[in-house]
């Protein structure tokens, strides 16, 4: 479905997943959302509200640690602008870059943090406007500290956007699809195997289901967003076969059974910690983007998973 130019499980699990679909940064505590974590959610909310007040204060003469600024920027943007529990058909990631000045003690001024915050919001609105769809929204904003060079800190923001609203639960696969569409990031895609529908492809169909909000608790937001990557070379079965798609035919047709197996496997790996999966300890799945990749010089084609995790807390209206 997309290209960025770089490089069974048990029957019980399979049936459970089919029935399910047919029926219906490192400095914070790693607490999963439960019915009794009100204190944790209140702590997060208070911290975000305090930072918002700082960003709205016209007399910003204070300082804060760089790591604190990065965490606060990400948390506030996600709290105010992200809707990770909303349904969408498509998922897109866009990146932007920023710099802030750091003193010898690792401190940054509140005034400069506010400037960067406003720039990030401007970029958020600009990127969202680029999506040609009537329904579109921010899923998450991942603020990363890349490096500090002298007194300059380099920041990267990866914003995830949902578009193309789909109401209700996704049904099981009811068609076979070409595995993917290298170099294409919008319709027409490679289409179904009968070449009668070019609105999607194999990786799109898997991605839609993995990102469906029915798999994510409602009224939850995330802090400490983290990107983890995954391909078919990460997990093999007892016969040494890849458990996520790797192929040698650019026109390979993924049958309903193959699509379902890939969905079940990906769901398992995304939601389990190493070595069984990719989920970081103490974090929860937020969303995933699947790129369709090919290796230059040979006929290998595969799905490249970019998985985003975060520490969840219950969202409170403000």
C-alpha atoms as a PDB file:
ATOM      1  CA  UNK A   1       0.000   0.000   0.000  1.00  0.00           C
ATOM      2  CA  UNK A   2       2.899   2.410   0.628  1.00  0.00           C
ATOM      3  CA  UNK A   3       6.606   2.460  -0.105  1.00  0.00           C
ATOM      4  CA  UNK A   4       9.339   4.446   1.680  1.00  0.00           C
ATOM      5  CA  UNK A   5      12.302   3.214  -0.381  1.00  0.00           C
ATOM      6  CA  UNK A   6      14.136   1.286   2.390  1.00  0.00           C
ATOM      7  CA  UNK A   7      14.711  -1.903   2.447  1.00  0.00           C
ATOM      8  CA  UNK A   8      -0.712 -20.802  12.288  1.00  0.00           C
ATOM      9  CA  UNK A   9      -1.201 -19.737  15.140  1.00  0.00           C
ATOM     10  CA  UNK A  10      -3.680 -22.145  16.916  1.00  0.00           C
ATOM     11  CA  UNK A  11      -7.158 -22.738  15.585  1.00  0.00           C
ATOM     12  CA  UNK A  12      -8.641 -21.415  18.818  1.00  0.00           C
ATOM     13  CA  UNK A  13      -6.977 -18.047  18.339  1.00  0.00           C
ATOM     14  CA  UNK A  14      -8.011 -17.909  14.694  1.00  0.00           C
ATOM     15  CA  UNK A  15     -11.647 -18.686  15.447  1.00  0.00           C
ATOM     16  CA  UNK A  16     -11.704 -16.249  18.333  1.00  0.00           C
ATOM     17  CA  UNK A  17     -10.407 -13.444  16.156  1.00  0.00           C
ATOM     18  CA  UNK A  18     -12.888 -14.171  13.369  1.00  0.00           C
ATOM     19  CA  UNK A  19     -15.735 -14.234  15.871  1.00  0.00           C
ATOM     20  CA  UNK A  20     -14.516 -10.976  17.369  1.00  0.00           C
ATOM     21  CA  UNK A  21     -14.501  -9.147  14.053  1.00  0.00           C
ATOM     22  CA  UNK A  22     -17.781 -10.565  12.879  1.00  0.00           C
ATOM     23  CA  UNK A  23     -19.685  -9.839  16.106  1.00  0.00           C
ATOM     24  CA  UNK A  24     -19.527  -6.602  16.842  1.00  0.00           C
ATOM     25  CA  UNK A  25       9.321   8.472  26.963  1.00  0.00           C
ATOM     26  CA  UNK A  26      10.791   6.437  29.492  1.00  0.00           C
ATOM     27  CA  UNK A  27      10.562   8.547  32.656  1.00  0.00           C
ATOM     28  CA  UNK A  28       6.980   7.889  33.632  1.00  0.00           C
ATOM     29  CA  UNK A  29       5.402   5.004  35.603  1.00  0.00           C
ATOM     30  CA  UNK A  30       4.478   2.080  33.368  1.00  0.00           C
ATOM     31  CA  UNK A  31       0.901   1.580  34.565  1.00  0.00           C
ATOM     32  CA  UNK A  32      -1.670  -0.093  32.316  1.00  0.00           C
ATOM     33  CA  UNK A  33      -5.218   1.355  32.407  1.00  0.00           C
ATOM     34  CA  UNK A  34      -7.404  -0.505  34.884  1.00  0.00           C
ATOM     35  CA  UNK A  35     -10.564   0.299  36.753  1.00  0.00           C
ATOM     36  CA  UNK A  36      -8.562   1.387  39.808  1.00  0.00           C
ATOM     37  CA  UNK A  37      -5.872   3.598  38.307  1.00  0.00           C
ATOM     38  CA  UNK A  38      -7.735   6.855  38.887  1.00  0.00           C
ATOM     39  CA  UNK A  39      -4.804   8.256  40.852  1.00  0.00           C
ATOM     40  CA  UNK A  40      -2.402   7.643  37.963  1.00  0.00           C
ATOM     41  CA  UNK A  41      -4.794   9.182  35.423  1.00  0.00           C
ATOM     42  CA  UNK A  42      -5.316  12.198  37.677  1.00  0.00           C
ATOM     43  CA  UNK A  43      -1.569  12.633  38.058  1.00  0.00           C
ATOM     44  CA  UNK A  44      -1.061  12.579  34.288  1.00  0.00           C
ATOM     45  CA  UNK A  45      -3.967  14.955  33.695  1.00  0.00           C
ATOM     46  CA  UNK A  46      -2.728  17.419  36.316  1.00  0.00           C
ATOM     47  CA  UNK A  47       0.753  17.411  34.849  1.00  0.00           C
ATOM     48  CA  UNK A  48      -0.625  18.085  31.370  1.00  0.00           C
ATOM     49  CA  UNK A  49      -2.925  20.843  32.619  1.00  0.00           C
ATOM     50  CA  UNK A  50      -0.028  22.522  34.419  1.00  0.00           C
ATOM     51  CA  UNK A  51       2.058  22.457  31.263  1.00  0.00           C
ATOM     52  CA  UNK A  52      -0.833  23.900  29.238  1.00  0.00           C
ATOM     53  CA  UNK A  53      -1.021  26.801  31.680  1.00  0.00           C
ATOM     54  CA  UNK A  54       2.702  27.372  31.238  1.00  0.00           C
ATOM     55  CA  UNK A  55       2.281  27.489  27.476  1.00  0.00           C
ATOM     56  CA  UNK A  56      -0.568  30.004  27.818  1.00  0.00           C
ATOM     57  CA  UNK A  57       1.265  32.274  30.253  1.00  0.00           C
ATOM     58  CA  UNK A  58       2.401  35.481  28.473  1.00  0.00           C
ATOM     59  CA  UNK A  59       5.231  35.927  31.028  1.00  0.00           C
ATOM     60  CA  UNK A  60       7.343  32.868  30.372  1.00  0.00           C
ATOM     61  CA  UNK A  61      10.624  33.483  32.126  1.00  0.00           C
ATOM     62  CA  UNK A  62      11.242  30.038  33.579  1.00  0.00           C
ATOM     63  CA  UNK A  63      13.180  26.994  32.419  1.00  0.00           C
ATOM     64  CA  UNK A  64      12.664  23.244  32.333  1.00  0.00           C
ATOM     65  CA  UNK A  65      14.754  20.164  31.655  1.00  0.00           C
ATOM     66  CA  UNK A  66      14.947  19.189  27.992  1.00  0.00           C
ATOM     67  CA  UNK A  67      13.595  15.679  28.678  1.00  0.00           C
ATOM     68  CA  UNK A  68      10.697  17.191  30.615  1.00  0.00           C
ATOM     69  CA  UNK A  69       9.913  19.546  27.751  1.00  0.00           C
ATOM     70  CA  UNK A  70       9.875  16.702  25.230  1.00  0.00           C
ATOM     71  CA  UNK A  71       7.552  14.592  27.402  1.00  0.00           C
ATOM     72  CA  UNK A  72       5.248  17.533  28.088  1.00  0.00           C
ATOM     73  CA  UNK A  73       5.012  18.544  24.427  1.00  0.00           C
ATOM     74  CA  UNK A  74       4.040  15.053  23.354  1.00  0.00           C
ATOM     75  CA  UNK A  75       1.591  14.553  26.229  1.00  0.00           C
ATOM     76  CA  UNK A  76      -0.212  17.881  25.738  1.00  0.00           C
ATOM     77  CA  UNK A  77      -0.596  17.510  21.967  1.00  0.00           C
ATOM     78  CA  UNK A  78      -1.962  13.973  22.363  1.00  0.00           C
ATOM     79  CA  UNK A  79      -4.303  15.030  25.165  1.00  0.00           C
ATOM     80  CA  UNK A  80      -5.763  17.990  23.295  1.00  0.00           C
ATOM     81  CA  UNK A  81      -5.683  16.856  19.675  1.00  0.00           C
ATOM     82  CA  UNK A  82      -5.442  13.043  19.360  1.00  0.00           C
ATOM     83  CA  UNK A  83      -8.326  10.596  18.977  1.00  0.00           C
ATOM     84  CA  UNK A  84      -6.776   7.102  19.122  1.00  0.00           C
ATOM     85  CA  UNK A  85     -10.138   5.421  19.748  1.00  0.00           C
ATOM     86  CA  UNK A  86     -11.814   6.749  16.586  1.00  0.00           C
ATOM     87  CA  UNK A  87     -12.450   4.587  13.527  1.00  0.00           C
ATOM     88  CA  UNK A  88     -10.784   5.223  10.189  1.00  0.00           C
ATOM     89  CA  UNK A  89     -10.064   3.329   7.012  1.00  0.00           C
ATOM     90  CA  UNK A  90      -6.621   4.752   6.262  1.00  0.00           C
ATOM     91  CA  UNK A  91      -3.648   5.580   8.460  1.00  0.00           C
ATOM     92  CA  UNK A  92      -0.804   7.928   7.485  1.00  0.00           C
ATOM     93  CA  UNK A  93       2.364   9.085   9.258  1.00  0.00           C
ATOM     94  CA  UNK A  94       3.988  12.458   8.520  1.00  0.00           C
ATOM     95  CA  UNK A  95       7.185  13.771  10.102  1.00  0.00           C
ATOM     96  CA  UNK A  96       8.546  17.227  10.899  1.00  0.00           C
ATOM     97  CA  UNK A  97      11.720  18.526  12.557  1.00  0.00           C
ATOM     98  CA  UNK A  98      12.509  21.244  15.121  1.00  0.00           C
ATOM     99  CA  UNK A  99      15.385  22.632  17.172  1.00  0.00           C
ATOM    100  CA  UNK A 100      15.591  24.121  20.668  1.00  0.00           C
ATOM    101  CA  UNK A 101      18.482  25.755  22.487  1.00  0.00           C
ATOM    102  CA  UNK A 102      19.877  23.884  25.506  1.00  0.00           C
ATOM    103  CA  UNK A 103      22.214  25.327  28.134  1.00  0.00           C
ATOM    104  CA  UNK A 104      25.104  23.514  29.799  1.00  0.00           C
ATOM    105  CA  UNK A 105      22.756  22.137  32.487  1.00  0.00           C
ATOM    106  CA  UNK A 106      20.350  20.600  29.978  1.00  0.00           C
ATOM    107  CA  UNK A 107      17.730  23.286  30.491  1.00  0.00           C
ATOM    108  CA  UNK A 108      15.522  24.988  27.875  1.00  0.00           C
ATOM    109  CA  UNK A 109      13.570  28.198  28.259  1.00  0.00           C
ATOM    110  CA  UNK A 110       9.784  28.105  28.586  1.00  0.00           C
ATOM    111  CA  UNK A 111       9.538  30.834  25.943  1.00  0.00           C
ATOM    112  CA  UNK A 112      11.343  28.744  23.343  1.00  0.00           C
ATOM    113  CA  UNK A 113       9.377  25.629  24.288  1.00  0.00           C
ATOM    114  CA  UNK A 114       6.171  27.568  23.656  1.00  0.00           C
ATOM    115  CA  UNK A 115       7.454  28.712  20.267  1.00  0.00           C
ATOM    116  CA  UNK A 116       8.205  25.127  19.289  1.00  0.00           C
ATOM    117  CA  UNK A 117       4.831  24.001  20.644  1.00  0.00           C
ATOM    118  CA  UNK A 118       3.021  26.535  18.454  1.00  0.00           C
ATOM    119  CA  UNK A 119       5.063  25.450  15.437  1.00  0.00           C
ATOM    120  CA  UNK A 120       4.123  21.823  16.111  1.00  0.00           C
ATOM    121  CA  UNK A 121       0.433  22.755  16.224  1.00  0.00           C
ATOM    122  CA  UNK A 122       0.753  24.704  12.964  1.00  0.00           C
ATOM    123  CA  UNK A 123       2.380  21.668  11.355  1.00  0.00           C
ATOM    124  CA  UNK A 124      -0.312  19.377  12.768  1.00  0.00           C
ATOM    125  CA  UNK A 125      -3.033  21.476  11.147  1.00  0.00           C
ATOM    126  CA  UNK A 126      -1.111  21.784   7.885  1.00  0.00           C
ATOM    127  CA  UNK A 127      -0.469  18.048   7.580  1.00  0.00           C
ATOM    128  CA  UNK A 128      -4.075  17.251   8.441  1.00  0.00           C
ATOM    129  CA  UNK A 129      -5.233  19.607   5.688  1.00  0.00           C
ATOM    130  CA  UNK A 130      -3.138  17.652   3.176  1.00  0.00           C
ATOM    131  CA  UNK A 131      -5.376  14.589   3.612  1.00  0.00           C
ATOM    132  CA  UNK A 132      -8.009  14.596   0.887  1.00  0.00           C
ATOM    133  CA  UNK A 133     -10.882  13.158   2.901  1.00  0.00           C
ATOM    134  CA  UNK A 134     -14.001  14.600   4.506  1.00  0.00           C
ATOM    135  CA  UNK A 135     -13.314  12.731   7.759  1.00  0.00           C
ATOM    136  CA  UNK A 136      -9.765  12.964   9.134  1.00  0.00           C
ATOM    137  CA  UNK A 137      -8.209  13.247  12.576  1.00  0.00           C
ATOM    138  CA  UNK A 138      -4.984  12.927  14.538  1.00  0.00           C
ATOM    139  CA  UNK A 139      -4.372   9.487  16.075  1.00  0.00           C
ATOM    140  CA  UNK A 140      -1.162  10.336  17.941  1.00  0.00           C
ATOM    141  CA  UNK A 141       1.823  12.662  18.011  1.00  0.00           C
ATOM    142  CA  UNK A 142       5.220  11.148  18.799  1.00  0.00           C
ATOM    143  CA  UNK A 143       7.823  13.745  19.877  1.00  0.00           C
ATOM    144  CA  UNK A 144      11.351  12.357  19.802  1.00  0.00           C
ATOM    145  CA  UNK A 145      14.667  13.813  20.948  1.00  0.00           C
ATOM    146  CA  UNK A 146      17.102  12.838  18.198  1.00  0.00           C
ATOM    147  CA  UNK A 147      20.340  14.318  19.497  1.00  0.00           C
ATOM    148  CA  UNK A 148      21.954  17.271  21.251  1.00  0.00           C
ATOM    149  CA  UNK A 149      24.762  18.879  19.274  1.00  0.00           C
ATOM    150  CA  UNK A 150      26.480  21.525  21.355  1.00  0.00           C
ATOM    151  CA  UNK A 151      23.699  23.739  22.642  1.00  0.00           C
ATOM    152  CA  UNK A 152      21.172  22.683  19.990  1.00  0.00           C
ATOM    153  CA  UNK A 153      18.662  19.855  20.484  1.00  0.00           C
ATOM    154  CA  UNK A 154      17.195  18.226  17.380  1.00  0.00           C
ATOM    155  CA  UNK A 155      13.576  17.044  17.666  1.00  0.00           C
ATOM    156  CA  UNK A 156      11.487  14.920  15.298  1.00  0.00           C
ATOM    157  CA  UNK A 157       7.707  14.675  15.485  1.00  0.00           C
ATOM    158  CA  UNK A 158       5.898  11.725  13.871  1.00  0.00           C
ATOM    159  CA  UNK A 159       2.191  12.481  13.576  1.00  0.00           C
ATOM    160  CA  UNK A 160      -0.240   9.638  12.826  1.00  0.00           C
ATOM    161  CA  UNK A 161      -3.477  10.540  11.046  1.00  0.00           C
ATOM    162  CA  UNK A 162      -6.667   8.562  10.434  1.00  0.00           C
ATOM    163  CA  UNK A 163      -8.934   9.250   7.474  1.00  0.00           C
ATOM    164  CA  UNK A 164     -11.833   7.626   5.711  1.00  0.00           C
ATOM    165  CA  UNK A 165     -14.390   6.889   8.430  1.00  0.00           C
ATOM    166  CA  UNK A 166     -15.767   3.378   8.735  1.00  0.00           C
ATOM    167  CA  UNK A 167     -18.718   2.786  11.046  1.00  0.00           C
ATOM    168  CA  UNK A 168     -18.959  -0.376  13.097  1.00  0.00           C
ATOM    169  CA  UNK A 169     -16.779  -3.449  13.330  1.00  0.00           C
ATOM    170  CA  UNK A 170     -14.764  -4.893  10.508  1.00  0.00           C
ATOM    171  CA  UNK A 171     -16.038  -8.228   9.168  1.00  0.00           C
ATOM    172  CA  UNK A 172     -13.728 -11.151   8.441  1.00  0.00           C
ATOM    173  CA  UNK A 173     -11.960 -11.084   5.088  1.00  0.00           C
ATOM    174  CA  UNK A 174     -14.427 -11.737   2.258  1.00  0.00           C
ATOM    175  CA  UNK A 175     -12.102 -11.319  -0.715  1.00  0.00           C
ATOM    176  CA  UNK A 176      -8.561 -12.116  -1.829  1.00  0.00           C
ATOM    177  CA  UNK A 177      -6.166  -9.222  -2.453  1.00  0.00           C
ATOM    178  CA  UNK A 178      -2.828  -8.585  -4.144  1.00  0.00           C
ATOM    179  CA  UNK A 179      -0.199  -8.498  -1.378  1.00  0.00           C
ATOM    180  CA  UNK A 180       0.592  -4.766  -1.755  1.00  0.00           C
ATOM    181  CA  UNK A 181       1.282  -1.733  -3.905  1.00  0.00           C
ATOM    182  CA  UNK A 182       4.915  -0.563  -3.900  1.00  0.00           C
ATOM    183  CA  UNK A 183       5.416   3.159  -4.602  1.00  0.00           C
ATOM    184  CA  UNK A 184       1.673   3.864  -4.287  1.00  0.00           C
ATOM    185  CA  UNK A 185       0.281   5.732  -1.279  1.00  0.00           C
ATOM    186  CA  UNK A 186      -3.209   6.454  -2.566  1.00  0.00           C
ATOM    187  CA  UNK A 187      -5.823   4.712  -4.749  1.00  0.00           C
ATOM    188  CA  UNK A 188      -5.840   2.986  -7.127  1.00  0.00           C
ATOM    189  CA  UNK A 189      -3.991   0.265  -5.231  1.00  0.00           C
ATOM    190  CA  UNK A 190      -2.988  -3.164  -6.566  1.00  0.00           C
ATOM    191  CA  UNK A 191      -6.573  -4.279  -5.941  1.00  0.00           C
ATOM    192  CA  UNK A 192      -8.235  -7.593  -5.359  1.00  0.00           C
ATOM    193  CA  UNK A 193      -7.125 -10.767  -7.105  1.00  0.00           C
ATOM    194  CA  UNK A 194     -10.004 -10.650  -9.592  1.00  0.00           C
ATOM    195  CA  UNK A 195      -8.951  -7.092 -10.502  1.00  0.00           C
ATOM    196  CA  UNK A 196     -12.486  -5.791 -10.035  1.00  0.00           C
ATOM    197  CA  UNK A 197     -11.752  -3.540  -7.027  1.00  0.00           C
ATOM    198  CA  UNK A 198      -8.750  -1.218  -6.782  1.00  0.00           C
ATOM    199  CA  UNK A 199      -9.706   0.544  -3.560  1.00  0.00           C
ATOM    200  CA  UNK A 200      -7.340  -1.540  -1.431  1.00  0.00           C
ATOM    201  CA  UNK A 201      -4.670  -4.248  -1.314  1.00  0.00           C
ATOM    202  CA  UNK A 202      -3.508  -7.003   1.024  1.00  0.00           C
ATOM    203  CA  UNK A 203      -1.539  -4.841   3.436  1.00  0.00           C
ATOM    204  CA  UNK A 204      -4.335  -2.245   3.539  1.00  0.00           C
ATOM    205  CA  UNK A 205      -6.854  -4.900   4.508  1.00  0.00           C
ATOM    206  CA  UNK A 206      -4.621  -6.164   7.335  1.00  0.00           C
ATOM    207  CA  UNK A 207      -3.813  -2.653   8.532  1.00  0.00           C
ATOM    208  CA  UNK A 208      -7.504  -1.623   8.651  1.00  0.00           C
ATOM    209  CA  UNK A 209      -8.301  -4.437  11.041  1.00  0.00           C
ATOM    210  CA  UNK A 210      -5.257  -4.041  13.287  1.00  0.00           C
ATOM    211  CA  UNK A 211      -6.078  -0.343  13.761  1.00  0.00           C
ATOM    212  CA  UNK A 212      -9.765  -0.838  14.399  1.00  0.00           C
ATOM    213  CA  UNK A 213     -10.811   0.899  17.646  1.00  0.00           C
ATOM    214  CA  UNK A 214     -12.779  -2.166  18.791  1.00  0.00           C
ATOM    215  CA  UNK A 215      -9.388  -3.589  19.765  1.00  0.00           C
ATOM    216  CA  UNK A 216      -8.520  -0.503  21.829  1.00  0.00           C
ATOM    217  CA  UNK A 217     -10.265   0.720  25.000  1.00  0.00           C
ATOM    218  CA  UNK A 218     -12.345   3.868  24.601  1.00  0.00           C
ATOM    219  CA  UNK A 219     -11.541   7.167  26.335  1.00  0.00           C
ATOM    220  CA  UNK A 220      -7.835   6.391  26.540  1.00  0.00           C
ATOM    221  CA  UNK A 221      -4.904   8.620  25.628  1.00  0.00           C
ATOM    222  CA  UNK A 222      -1.195   7.778  25.558  1.00  0.00           C
ATOM    223  CA  UNK A 223       2.104   9.210  26.724  1.00  0.00           C
ATOM    224  CA  UNK A 224       5.683   8.117  25.972  1.00  0.00           C
ATOM    225  CA  UNK A 225       4.966   7.102  22.368  1.00  0.00           C
ATOM    226  CA  UNK A 226       7.510   4.600  21.023  1.00  0.00           C
ATOM    227  CA  UNK A 227       8.058   3.266  17.490  1.00  0.00           C
ATOM    228  CA  UNK A 228       8.906  -0.431  17.004  1.00  0.00           C
ATOM    229  CA  UNK A 229       9.494  -2.007  13.593  1.00  0.00           C
ATOM    230  CA  UNK A 230       8.614  -5.540  12.464  1.00  0.00           C
ATOM    231  CA  UNK A 231       8.960  -7.681   9.313  1.00  0.00           C
ATOM    232  CA  UNK A 232       8.610 -11.307   8.282  1.00  0.00           C
ATOM    233  CA  UNK A 233      12.265 -11.890   9.125  1.00  0.00           C
ATOM    234  CA  UNK A 234      11.514 -11.426  12.834  1.00  0.00           C
ATOM    235  CA  UNK A 235       9.344 -14.501  13.438  1.00  0.00           C
ATOM    236  CA  UNK A 236       9.430 -18.022  11.933  1.00  0.00           C
ATOM    237  CA  UNK A 237       7.327 -21.110  12.575  1.00  0.00           C
ATOM    238  CA  UNK A 238       8.607 -24.613  13.434  1.00  0.00           C
ATOM    239  CA  UNK A 239       9.237 -25.281   9.729  1.00  0.00           C
ATOM    240  CA  UNK A 240      11.303 -22.100   9.391  1.00  0.00           C
ATOM    241  CA  UNK A 241       8.603 -20.322   7.384  1.00  0.00           C
ATOM    242  CA  UNK A 242       8.093 -16.571   7.976  1.00  0.00           C
ATOM    243  CA  UNK A 243       4.925 -15.832   9.964  1.00  0.00           C
ATOM    244  CA  UNK A 244       4.425 -12.419   8.346  1.00  0.00           C
ATOM    245  CA  UNK A 245       4.298 -11.888   4.610  1.00  0.00           C
ATOM    246  CA  UNK A 246       7.453 -12.307   2.526  1.00  0.00           C
ATOM    247  CA  UNK A 247       7.120 -13.214  -1.156  1.00  0.00           C
ATOM    248  CA  UNK A 248       8.902 -13.343  -4.485  1.00  0.00           C
ATOM    249  CA  UNK A 249       6.013 -12.445  -6.821  1.00  0.00           C
ATOM    250  CA  UNK A 250       5.118  -8.775  -7.272  1.00  0.00           C
ATOM    251  CA  UNK A 251       1.588  -9.892  -8.280  1.00  0.00           C
ATOM    252  CA  UNK A 252       1.103 -12.455  -5.499  1.00  0.00           C
ATOM    253  CA  UNK A 253      -2.540 -13.006  -4.541  1.00  0.00           C
ATOM    254  CA  UNK A 254      -3.150 -13.312  -0.795  1.00  0.00           C
ATOM    255  CA  UNK A 255      -6.080 -15.679  -0.256  1.00  0.00           C
ATOM    256  CA  UNK A 256      -8.595 -15.154   2.542  1.00  0.00           C
ATOM    257  CA  UNK A 257      -6.804 -17.854   4.545  1.00  0.00           C
ATOM    258  CA  UNK A 258      -3.403 -16.208   4.030  1.00  0.00           C
ATOM    259  CA  UNK A 259      -4.744 -12.770   4.916  1.00  0.00           C
ATOM    260  CA  UNK A 260      -6.351 -14.162   8.079  1.00  0.00           C
ATOM    261  CA  UNK A 261      -3.182 -15.987   9.124  1.00  0.00           C
ATOM    262  CA  UNK A 262      -1.131 -12.825   8.645  1.00  0.00           C
ATOM    263  CA  UNK A 263      -3.681 -10.796  10.623  1.00  0.00           C
ATOM    264  CA  UNK A 264      -3.740 -13.283  13.510  1.00  0.00           C
ATOM    265  CA  UNK A 265       0.048 -13.515  13.603  1.00  0.00           C
ATOM    266  CA  UNK A 266       0.549  -9.758  13.435  1.00  0.00           C
ATOM    267  CA  UNK A 267      -2.041  -9.208  16.167  1.00  0.00           C
ATOM    268  CA  UNK A 268      -0.204 -11.695  18.402  1.00  0.00           C
ATOM    269  CA  UNK A 269       3.264 -10.254  17.816  1.00  0.00           C
ATOM    270  CA  UNK A 270       2.033  -6.678  18.282  1.00  0.00           C
ATOM    271  CA  UNK A 271       0.383  -7.454  21.618  1.00  0.00           C
ATOM    272  CA  UNK A 272       3.063  -9.654  23.234  1.00  0.00           C
ATOM    273  CA  UNK A 273       6.416  -8.734  24.714  1.00  0.00           C
ATOM    274  CA  UNK A 274       9.714 -10.190  23.433  1.00  0.00           C
ATOM    275  CA  UNK A 275      10.648 -12.849  22.584  1.00  0.00           C
ATOM    276  CA  UNK A 276       7.062 -13.765  21.639  1.00  0.00           C
ATOM    277  CA  UNK A 277       6.313 -10.343  20.221  1.00  0.00           C
ATOM    278  CA  UNK A 278       7.305  -6.707  19.875  1.00  0.00           C
ATOM    279  CA  UNK A 279       5.392  -4.881  22.632  1.00  0.00           C
ATOM    280  CA  UNK A 280       7.616  -2.927  25.040  1.00  0.00           C
ATOM    281  CA  UNK A 281       7.081  -3.758  28.706  1.00  0.00           C
ATOM    282  CA  UNK A 282       4.480  -1.527  30.343  1.00  0.00           C
ATOM    283  CA  UNK A 283       3.189  -0.070  27.091  1.00  0.00           C
ATOM    284  CA  UNK A 284       0.083  -0.650  25.010  1.00  0.00           C
ATOM    285  CA  UNK A 285      -0.556  -0.790  21.281  1.00  0.00           C
ATOM    286  CA  UNK A 286      -1.674   2.520  19.733  1.00  0.00           C
ATOM    287  CA  UNK A 287      -1.614   1.996  15.956  1.00  0.00           C
ATOM    288  CA  UNK A 288       0.353   0.448  13.108  1.00  0.00           C
ATOM    289  CA  UNK A 289       1.300   1.483   9.610  1.00  0.00           C
ATOM    290  CA  UNK A 290       2.208  -1.177   7.025  1.00  0.00           C
ATOM    291  CA  UNK A 291       4.485  -0.253   4.142  1.00  0.00           C
ATOM    292  CA  UNK A 292       4.812  -2.401   1.035  1.00  0.00           C
ATOM    293  CA  UNK A 293       8.502  -2.978   0.428  1.00  0.00           C
ATOM    294  CA  UNK A 294      10.723  -4.557  -2.198  1.00  0.00           C
ATOM    295  CA  UNK A 295      14.439  -5.283  -2.042  1.00  0.00           C
ATOM    296  CA  UNK A 296      16.283  -3.706  -4.948  1.00  0.00           C
ATOM    297  CA  UNK A 297      18.159  -6.230  -7.048  1.00  0.00           C
ATOM    298  CA  UNK A 298      15.996  -9.269  -6.375  1.00  0.00           C
ATOM    299  CA  UNK A 299      12.366 -10.253  -6.384  1.00  0.00           C
ATOM    300  CA  UNK A 300      11.745 -10.202  -2.623  1.00  0.00           C
ATOM    301  CA  UNK A 301       8.651  -8.257  -1.564  1.00  0.00           C
ATOM    302  CA  UNK A 302       7.339  -7.953   1.998  1.00  0.00           C
ATOM    303  CA  UNK A 303       5.274  -6.037   4.538  1.00  0.00           C
ATOM    304  CA  UNK A 304       7.122  -3.580   6.780  1.00  0.00           C
ATOM    305  CA  UNK A 305       5.273  -2.863  10.060  1.00  0.00           C
ATOM    306  CA  UNK A 306       5.789   0.438  11.909  1.00  0.00           C
ATOM    307  CA  UNK A 307       4.107  -0.134  15.295  1.00  0.00           C
ATOM    308  CA  UNK A 308       3.468   2.638  17.802  1.00  0.00           C
ATOM    309  CA  UNK A 309       3.081   1.970  21.522  1.00  0.00           C
ATOM    310  CA  UNK A 310       2.457   4.235  24.508  1.00  0.00           C
ATOM    311  CA  UNK A 311       1.650   4.331  28.206  1.00  0.00           C
ATOM    312  CA  UNK A 312      -2.153   4.606  28.484  1.00  0.00           C
ATOM    313  CA  UNK A 313      -4.225   6.663  30.867  1.00  0.00           C
ATOM    314  CA  UNK A 314      -7.927   7.490  31.016  1.00  0.00           C
ATOM    315  CA  UNK A 315      -8.826  10.672  29.195  1.00  0.00           C
ATOM    316  CA  UNK A 316     -10.774  13.305  31.160  1.00  0.00           C
ATOM    317  CA  UNK A 317     -12.686  16.127  29.532  1.00  0.00           C
ATOM    318  CA  UNK A 318     -11.210  19.553  30.168  1.00  0.00           C
END
